[in-house]
């Protein structure tokens, strides 16, 4: 095996590891954003039928 072939294998492995890290990071960020949006949506839904200025729906 020549040095070039070993380097190419290492490059492929490094690329796979970096891609996996990016996918995990994107998944975590997506989950955090989803939870924030879901929480705000639930707050809006619970306040939809409350009178204006009620204590439960104060900002």
PDB file of N, CA and C in Angstrom:
ATOM      1  N   UNK A   1       0.859  -1.182   0.000  1.00  0.00           N
ATOM      2  CA  UNK A   1       0.000   0.000   0.000  1.00  0.00           C
ATOM      3  C   UNK A   1       0.901   1.241   0.000  1.00  0.00           C
ATOM      4  N   UNK A   2       0.615   2.150  -0.867  1.00  0.00           N
ATOM      5  CA  UNK A   2       1.421   3.362  -0.952  1.00  0.00           C
ATOM      6  C   UNK A   2       0.902   4.402   0.029  1.00  0.00           C
ATOM      7  N   UNK A   3       1.732   5.370   0.237  1.00  0.00           N
ATOM      8  CA  UNK A   3       1.356   6.411   1.183  1.00  0.00           C
ATOM      9  C   UNK A   3       0.113   7.171   0.721  1.00  0.00           C
ATOM     10  N   UNK A   4      -0.014   7.409  -0.561  1.00  0.00           N
ATOM     11  CA  UNK A   4      -1.163   8.133  -1.099  1.00  0.00           C
ATOM     12  C   UNK A   4      -2.470   7.409  -0.817  1.00  0.00           C
ATOM     13  N   UNK A   5      -2.473   6.097  -0.917  1.00  0.00           N
ATOM     14  CA  UNK A   5      -3.689   5.322  -0.643  1.00  0.00           C
ATOM     15  C   UNK A   5      -4.064   5.408   0.828  1.00  0.00           C
ATOM     16  N   UNK A   6      -3.066   5.357   1.706  1.00  0.00           N
ATOM     17  CA  UNK A   6      -3.355   5.478   3.145  1.00  0.00           C
ATOM     18  C   UNK A   6      -3.901   6.864   3.474  1.00  0.00           C
ATOM     19  N   UNK A   7      -3.327   7.886   2.853  1.00  0.00           N
ATOM     20  CA  UNK A   7      -3.806   9.248   3.089  1.00  0.00           C
ATOM     21  C   UNK A   7      -5.232   9.427   2.595  1.00  0.00           C
ATOM     22  N   UNK A   8      -5.552   8.812   1.477  1.00  0.00           N
ATOM     23  CA  UNK A   8      -6.912   8.919   0.950  1.00  0.00           C
ATOM     24  C   UNK A   8      -7.897   8.251   1.893  1.00  0.00           C
ATOM     25  N   UNK A   9      -7.518   7.118   2.469  1.00  0.00           N
ATOM     26  CA  UNK A   9      -8.386   6.446   3.431  1.00  0.00           C
ATOM     27  C   UNK A   9      -8.592   7.291   4.674  1.00  0.00           C
ATOM     28  N   UNK A  10      -7.526   7.921   5.132  1.00  0.00           N
ATOM     29  CA  UNK A  10      -7.639   8.784   6.304  1.00  0.00           C
ATOM     30  C   UNK A  10      -8.526   9.982   5.999  1.00  0.00           C
ATOM     31  N   UNK A  11      -8.407  10.524   4.814  1.00  0.00           N
ATOM     32  CA  UNK A  11      -9.238  11.669   4.445  1.00  0.00           C
ATOM     33  C   UNK A  11     -10.714  11.288   4.421  1.00  0.00           C
ATOM     34  N   UNK A  12     -11.014  10.102   3.913  1.00  0.00           N
ATOM     35  CA  UNK A  12     -12.406   9.650   3.875  1.00  0.00           C
ATOM     36  C   UNK A  12     -12.946   9.461   5.285  1.00  0.00           C
ATOM     37  N   UNK A  13     -12.136   8.898   6.168  1.00  0.00           N
ATOM     38  CA  UNK A  13     -12.561   8.700   7.551  1.00  0.00           C
ATOM     39  C   UNK A  13     -12.762  10.044   8.246  1.00  0.00           C
ATOM     40  N   UNK A  14     -11.857  10.971   8.040  1.00  0.00           N
ATOM     41  CA  UNK A  14     -12.003  12.299   8.630  1.00  0.00           C
ATOM     42  C   UNK A  14     -13.262  12.984   8.122  1.00  0.00           C
ATOM     43  N   UNK A  15     -13.519  12.858   6.831  1.00  0.00           N
ATOM     44  CA  UNK A  15     -14.725  13.452   6.250  1.00  0.00           C
ATOM     45  C   UNK A  15     -15.976  12.844   6.876  1.00  0.00           C
ATOM     46  N   UNK A  16     -15.992  11.537   7.065  1.00  0.00           N
ATOM     47  CA  UNK A  16     -17.153  10.868   7.662  1.00  0.00           C
ATOM     48  C   UNK A  16     -17.370  11.322   9.101  1.00  0.00           C
ATOM     49  N   UNK A  17     -16.291  11.478   9.851  1.00  0.00           N
ATOM     50  CA  UNK A  17     -16.411  11.927  11.243  1.00  0.00           C
ATOM     51  C   UNK A  17     -16.925  13.361  11.296  1.00  0.00           C
ATOM     52  N   UNK A  18     -16.388  14.227  10.470  1.00  0.00           N
ATOM     53  CA  UNK A  18     -16.841  15.623  10.442  1.00  0.00           C
ATOM     54  C   UNK A  18     -18.301  15.701  10.018  1.00  0.00           C
ATOM     55  N   UNK A  19     -18.693  14.910   9.027  1.00  0.00           N
ATOM     56  CA  UNK A  19     -20.089  14.902   8.584  1.00  0.00           C
ATOM     57  C   UNK A  19     -21.006  14.428   9.702  1.00  0.00           C
ATOM     58  N   UNK A  20     -20.589  13.418  10.449  1.00  0.00           N
ATOM     59  CA  UNK A  20     -21.399  12.920  11.561  1.00  0.00           C
ATOM     60  C   UNK A  20     -21.550  13.985  12.645  1.00  0.00           C
ATOM     61  N   UNK A  21     -20.487  14.700  12.938  1.00  0.00           N
ATOM     62  CA  UNK A  21     -20.552  15.763  13.945  1.00  0.00           C
ATOM     63  C   UNK A  21     -21.500  16.869  13.490  1.00  0.00           C
ATOM     64  N   UNK A  22     -21.442  17.236  12.226  1.00  0.00           N
ATOM     65  CA  UNK A  22     -22.333  18.271  11.693  1.00  0.00           C
ATOM     66  C   UNK A  22     -23.787  17.823  11.771  1.00  0.00           C
ATOM     67  N   UNK A  23     -24.056  16.566  11.448  1.00  0.00           N
ATOM     68  CA  UNK A  23     -25.427  16.050  11.510  1.00  0.00           C
ATOM     69  C   UNK A  23     -25.943  16.066  12.944  1.00  0.00           C
ATOM     70  N   UNK A  24     -25.126  15.651  13.898  1.00  0.00           N
ATOM     71  CA  UNK A  24     -25.543  15.653  15.304  1.00  0.00           C
ATOM     72  C   UNK A  24     -25.792  17.082  15.777  1.00  0.00           C
ATOM     73  N   UNK A  25     -24.905  18.006  15.436  1.00  0.00           N
ATOM     74  CA  UNK A  25     -25.080  19.402  15.848  1.00  0.00           C
ATOM     75  C   UNK A  25     -26.349  19.994  15.247  1.00  0.00           C
ATOM     76  N   UNK A  26     -26.615  19.717  13.984  1.00  0.00           N
ATOM     77  CA  UNK A  26     -27.826  20.228  13.340  1.00  0.00           C
ATOM     78  C   UNK A  26     -29.072  19.635  13.985  1.00  0.00           C
ATOM     79  N   UNK A  27     -29.018  18.375  14.363  1.00  0.00           N
ATOM     80  CA  UNK A  27     -30.162  17.737  15.020  1.00  0.00           C
ATOM     81  C   UNK A  27     -30.438  18.362  16.381  1.00  0.00           C
ATOM     82  N   UNK A  28     -29.389  18.625  17.134  1.00  0.00           N
ATOM     83  CA  UNK A  28     -29.556  19.241  18.457  1.00  0.00           C
ATOM     84  C   UNK A  28     -30.121  20.648  18.313  1.00  0.00           C
ATOM     85  N   UNK A  29     -29.587  21.429  17.406  1.00  0.00           N
ATOM     86  CA  UNK A  29     -30.082  22.790  17.191  1.00  0.00           C
ATOM     87  C   UNK A  29     -31.530  22.756  16.725  1.00  0.00           C
ATOM     88  N   UNK A  30     -31.863  21.847  15.831  1.00  0.00           N
ATOM     89  CA  UNK A  30     -33.246  21.708  15.365  1.00  0.00           C
ATOM     90  C   UNK A  30     -34.194  21.338  16.486  1.00  0.00           C
ATOM     91  N   UNK A  31     -33.770  20.447  17.373  1.00  0.00           N
ATOM     92  CA  UNK A  31     -34.617  20.045  18.500  1.00  0.00           C
ATOM     93  C   UNK A  31     -34.848  21.211  19.454  1.00  0.00           C
ATOM     94  N   UNK A  32     -33.827  22.003  19.698  1.00  0.00           N
ATOM     95  CA  UNK A  32     -33.967  23.164  20.585  1.00  0.00           C
ATOM     96  C   UNK A  32     -34.938  24.172  19.981  1.00  0.00           C
ATOM     97  N   UNK A  33     -34.787  24.468  18.710  1.00  0.00           N
ATOM     98  CA  UNK A  33     -35.688  25.416  18.043  1.00  0.00           C
ATOM     99  C   UNK A  33     -37.110  24.881  18.033  1.00  0.00           C
ATOM    100  N   UNK A  34     -37.278  23.589  17.765  1.00  0.00           N
ATOM    101  CA  UNK A  34     -38.606  22.979  17.770  1.00  0.00           C
ATOM    102  C   UNK A  34     -39.264  23.127  19.137  1.00  0.00           C
ATOM    103  N   UNK A  35     -38.520  22.871  20.211  1.00  0.00           N
ATOM    104  CA  UNK A  35     -39.082  22.991  21.559  1.00  0.00           C
ATOM    105  C   UNK A  35     -39.467  24.428  21.884  1.00  0.00           C
ATOM    106  N   UNK A  36     -38.675  25.391  21.464  1.00  0.00           N
ATOM    107  CA  UNK A  36     -39.003  26.798  21.705  1.00  0.00           C
ATOM    108  C   UNK A  36     -40.289  27.171  20.978  1.00  0.00           C
ATOM    109  N   UNK A  37     -40.392  26.791  19.715  1.00  0.00           N
ATOM    110  CA  UNK A  37     -41.584  27.112  18.929  1.00  0.00           C
ATOM    111  C   UNK A  37     -42.810  26.404  19.497  1.00  0.00           C
ATOM    112  N   UNK A  38     -42.655  25.160  19.906  1.00  0.00           N
ATOM    113  CA  UNK A  38     -43.781  24.411  20.463  1.00  0.00           C
ATOM    114  C   UNK A  38     -44.266  25.040  21.769  1.00  0.00           C
ATOM    115  N   UNK A  39     -43.353  25.468  22.624  1.00  0.00           N
ATOM    116  CA  UNK A  39     -43.729  26.107  23.884  1.00  0.00           C
ATOM    117  C   UNK A  39     -44.491  27.403  23.629  1.00  0.00           C
ATOM    118  N   UNK A  40     -43.989  28.225  22.725  1.00  0.00           N
ATOM    119  CA  UNK A  40     -44.679  29.481  22.406  1.00  0.00           C
ATOM    120  C   UNK A  40     -46.043  29.209  21.788  1.00  0.00           C
ATOM    121  N   UNK A  41     -46.138  28.185  20.962  1.00  0.00           N
ATOM    122  CA  UNK A  41     -47.417  27.828  20.351  1.00  0.00           C
ATOM    123  C   UNK A  41     -48.429  27.402  21.409  1.00  0.00           C
ATOM    124  N   UNK A  42     -47.982  26.617  22.381  1.00  0.00           N
ATOM    125  CA  UNK A  42     -48.876  26.197  23.463  1.00  0.00           C
ATOM    126  C   UNK A  42     -49.325  27.397  24.293  1.00  0.00           C
ATOM    127  N   UNK A  43     -48.425  28.354  24.523  1.00  0.00           N
ATOM    128  CA  UNK A  43     -48.799  29.559  25.263  1.00  0.00           C
ATOM    129  C   UNK A  43     -49.846  30.354  24.499  1.00  0.00           C
ATOM    130  N   UNK A  44     -49.657  30.509  23.208  1.00  0.00           N
ATOM    131  CA  UNK A  44     -50.636  31.235  22.395  1.00  0.00           C
ATOM    132  C   UNK A  44     -51.974  30.513  22.373  1.00  0.00           C
ATOM    133  N   UNK A  45     -51.928  29.198  22.276  1.00  0.00           N
ATOM    134  CA  UNK A  45     -53.152  28.408  22.239  1.00  0.00           C
ATOM    135  C   UNK A  45     -53.922  28.531  23.550  1.00  0.00           C
ATOM    136  N   UNK A  46     -53.219  28.518  24.677  1.00  0.00           N
ATOM    137  CA  UNK A  46     -53.900  28.606  25.965  1.00  0.00           C
ATOM    138  C   UNK A  46     -54.449  30.007  26.224  1.00  0.00           C
ATOM    139  N   UNK A  47     -53.867  31.018  25.615  1.00  0.00           N
ATOM    140  CA  UNK A  47     -54.325  32.392  25.823  1.00  0.00           C
ATOM    141  C   UNK A  47     -55.369  32.838  24.798  1.00  0.00           C
ATOM    142  N   UNK A  48     -55.640  32.029  23.804  1.00  0.00           N
ATOM    143  CA  UNK A  48     -56.517  32.450  22.711  1.00  0.00           C
ATOM    144  C   UNK A  48     -57.919  32.798  23.183  1.00  0.00           C
ATOM    145  N   UNK A  49     -58.435  32.096  24.170  1.00  0.00           N
ATOM    146  CA  UNK A  49     -59.807  32.325  24.627  1.00  0.00           C
ATOM    147  C   UNK A  49     -59.880  33.068  25.952  1.00  0.00           C
ATOM    148  N   UNK A  50     -58.777  33.654  26.385  1.00  0.00           N
ATOM    149  CA  UNK A  50     -58.761  34.416  27.634  1.00  0.00           C
ATOM    150  C   UNK A  50     -59.082  35.885  27.345  1.00  0.00           C
ATOM    151  N   UNK A  51     -59.661  36.577  28.320  1.00  0.00           N
ATOM    152  CA  UNK A  51     -59.917  38.007  28.130  1.00  0.00           C
ATOM    153  C   UNK A  51     -58.605  38.788  27.980  1.00  0.00           C
ATOM    154  N   UNK A  52     -58.687  39.906  27.286  1.00  0.00           N
ATOM    155  CA  UNK A  52     -57.507  40.738  27.083  1.00  0.00           C
ATOM    156  C   UNK A  52     -57.013  41.235  28.433  1.00  0.00           C
ATOM    157  N   UNK A  53     -55.714  41.121  28.656  1.00  0.00           N
ATOM    158  CA  UNK A  53     -55.109  41.601  29.887  1.00  0.00           C
ATOM    159  C   UNK A  53     -55.231  40.649  31.054  1.00  0.00           C
ATOM    160  N   UNK A  54     -55.679  39.430  30.836  1.00  0.00           N
ATOM    161  CA  UNK A  54     -55.801  38.486  31.947  1.00  0.00           C
ATOM    162  C   UNK A  54     -54.418  38.120  32.470  1.00  0.00           C
ATOM    163  N   UNK A  55     -54.360  37.724  33.730  1.00  0.00           N
ATOM    164  CA  UNK A  55     -53.078  37.439  34.376  1.00  0.00           C
ATOM    165  C   UNK A  55     -52.372  36.248  33.748  1.00  0.00           C
ATOM    166  N   UNK A  56     -53.119  35.264  33.240  1.00  0.00           N
ATOM    167  CA  UNK A  56     -52.492  34.073  32.672  1.00  0.00           C
ATOM    168  C   UNK A  56     -51.752  34.374  31.374  1.00  0.00           C
ATOM    169  N   UNK A  57     -52.139  35.424  30.681  1.00  0.00           N
ATOM    170  CA  UNK A  57     -51.570  35.701  29.367  1.00  0.00           C
ATOM    171  C   UNK A  57     -50.681  36.935  29.348  1.00  0.00           C
ATOM    172  N   UNK A  58     -50.230  37.369  30.495  1.00  0.00           N
ATOM    173  CA  UNK A  58     -49.361  38.539  30.537  1.00  0.00           C
ATOM    174  C   UNK A  58     -48.025  38.200  29.882  1.00  0.00           C
ATOM    175  N   UNK A  59     -47.469  39.133  29.137  1.00  0.00           N
ATOM    176  CA  UNK A  59     -46.189  38.861  28.455  1.00  0.00           C
ATOM    177  C   UNK A  59     -45.025  38.702  29.394  1.00  0.00           C
TER     178      UNK A  59
END
